[in-house]
Amino acid sequence: MSAGYQITVPSVLRQELKLVPGDKMVFDMDGGVVMVEKGETHEEKVKRVFANLDRLKAEREKRMTPEQRKFAERSAGWTVNQYHEHIDNLPETKEYLKEKYGV
């Protein structure tokens, strides 16, 4: 470590992590052992989050019934107000409100 607290990353580690100048690194200590990994840029984090969302959406779509899938296709792009209006106008919602509140 230099007097300015800078370190030199050994070439084996640079090659393994595919590091290039300017890359961010994460240092973590676990049981007295320092773990080093390549850090993510903001852009990489955003891409990772959206990739996870896409994966979760695909998993959810696999579990949908045909009726749920049809509704999802029909309601794509609805605003929250449009969705609530749909729910409010369902026969079962009207029946529930009538039984519960006499409306």
Protein backbone atom coordinates (compact mmCIF):
# COMPACT_ATOMS: atom_id res chain seq x y z
CA MET A 1 0.00 0.00 0.00
CA SER A 2 1.32 3.41 -0.89
CA ALA A 3 1.57 6.37 1.48
CA GLY A 4 -1.63 7.67 -0.18
CA TYR A 5 -3.43 4.39 0.73
CA GLN A 6 -3.48 3.22 -2.86
CA ILE A 7 -3.03 -0.45 -3.66
CA THR A 8 -1.78 -2.31 -6.68
CA VAL A 9 -4.03 -5.13 -7.84
CA PRO A 10 -1.97 -8.19 -8.84
CA SER A 11 -2.17 -9.03 -12.55
CA VAL A 12 -3.67 -12.48 -11.86
CA LEU A 13 -6.57 -10.83 -10.01
CA ARG A 14 -6.95 -8.10 -12.66
CA GLN A 15 -7.20 -10.74 -15.37
CA GLU A 16 -9.59 -12.97 -13.39
CA LEU A 17 -11.95 -10.06 -12.66
CA LYS A 18 -11.41 -8.54 -16.13
CA LEU A 19 -10.53 -5.20 -14.55
CA VAL A 20 -9.65 -2.15 -16.58
CA PRO A 21 -8.56 1.30 -15.39
CA GLY A 22 -11.51 3.19 -13.92
CA ASP A 23 -13.43 0.08 -12.81
CA LYS A 24 -14.97 0.18 -9.35
CA MET A 25 -14.05 -2.53 -6.87
CA VAL A 26 -15.84 -3.79 -3.77
CA PHE A 27 -13.89 -4.91 -0.72
CA ASP A 28 -15.71 -6.97 1.90
CA MET A 29 -14.36 -8.57 5.04
CA ASP A 30 -15.66 -11.98 6.06
CA GLY A 31 -14.15 -13.72 9.08
CA GLY A 32 -10.85 -11.88 8.77
CA VAL A 33 -10.59 -12.60 5.05
CA VAL A 34 -10.88 -9.72 2.60
CA MET A 35 -13.09 -10.50 -0.39
CA VAL A 36 -12.57 -8.49 -3.58
CA GLU A 37 -14.97 -8.24 -6.49
CA LYS A 38 -15.52 -5.98 -9.44
CA GLY A 39 -18.04 -3.26 -8.63
CA GLU A 40 -20.97 -2.32 -10.83
CA THR A 41 -21.43 0.99 -12.56
CA HIS A 42 -24.78 2.74 -12.18
CA GLU A 43 -25.69 1.62 -15.71
CA GLU A 44 -24.83 -2.01 -14.90
CA LYS A 45 -26.96 -1.89 -11.74
CA VAL A 46 -29.93 -0.51 -13.68
CA LYS A 47 -29.54 -3.18 -16.37
CA ARG A 48 -29.34 -5.90 -13.69
CA VAL A 49 -32.50 -4.65 -11.97
CA PHE A 50 -34.46 -4.55 -15.24
CA ALA A 51 -33.17 -8.01 -16.19
CA ASN A 52 -34.43 -9.32 -12.82
CA LEU A 53 -37.82 -7.66 -13.39
CA ASP A 54 -38.05 -9.25 -16.85
CA ARG A 55 -37.20 -12.65 -15.32
CA LEU A 56 -39.83 -12.26 -12.59
CA LYS A 57 -42.44 -11.17 -15.14
CA ALA A 58 -41.70 -14.22 -17.31
CA GLU A 59 -41.96 -16.55 -14.27
CA ARG A 60 -45.29 -14.98 -13.28
CA GLU A 61 -46.67 -15.29 -16.82
CA LYS A 62 -45.87 -19.01 -16.80
CA ARG A 63 -48.13 -19.47 -13.75
CA MET A 64 -51.04 -17.44 -15.16
CA THR A 65 -54.29 -19.10 -16.09
CA PRO A 66 -55.64 -18.44 -19.59
CA GLU A 67 -58.24 -16.10 -18.06
CA GLN A 68 -55.55 -14.13 -16.19
CA ARG A 69 -53.42 -13.92 -19.33
CA LYS A 70 -56.38 -12.62 -21.34
CA PHE A 71 -57.10 -9.95 -18.72
CA ALA A 72 -53.41 -8.93 -18.60
CA GLU A 73 -53.35 -8.48 -22.37
CA ARG A 74 -56.61 -6.52 -22.35
CA SER A 75 -55.61 -4.25 -19.47
CA ALA A 76 -52.04 -3.55 -20.57
CA GLY A 77 -51.39 0.16 -20.37
CA TRP A 78 -54.35 0.94 -18.12
CA THR A 79 -53.97 3.71 -15.58
CA VAL A 80 -54.68 3.02 -11.92
CA ASN A 81 -58.01 4.82 -12.28
CA GLN A 82 -59.02 2.65 -15.24
CA TYR A 83 -58.13 -0.48 -13.28
CA HIS A 84 -60.17 0.66 -10.26
CA GLU A 85 -63.10 1.54 -12.51
CA HIS A 86 -62.99 -1.97 -13.96
CA ILE A 87 -62.97 -3.56 -10.48
CA ASP A 88 -65.78 -1.28 -9.27
CA ASN A 89 -67.97 -2.33 -12.20
CA LEU A 90 -67.58 -6.08 -11.77
CA PRO A 91 -70.87 -7.82 -10.90
CA GLU A 92 -69.31 -9.48 -7.87
CA THR A 93 -68.05 -6.11 -6.57
CA LYS A 94 -71.50 -4.57 -6.96
CA GLU A 95 -73.08 -7.56 -5.22
CA TYR A 96 -70.59 -7.38 -2.35
CA LEU A 97 -71.21 -3.65 -1.85
CA LYS A 98 -74.95 -4.22 -1.92
CA GLU A 99 -74.75 -7.01 0.70
CA LYS A 100 -72.22 -5.26 2.91
CA TYR A 101 -73.38 -1.64 2.75
CA GLY A 102 -76.78 -1.72 1.05
CA VAL A 103 -75.44 0.39 -1.79
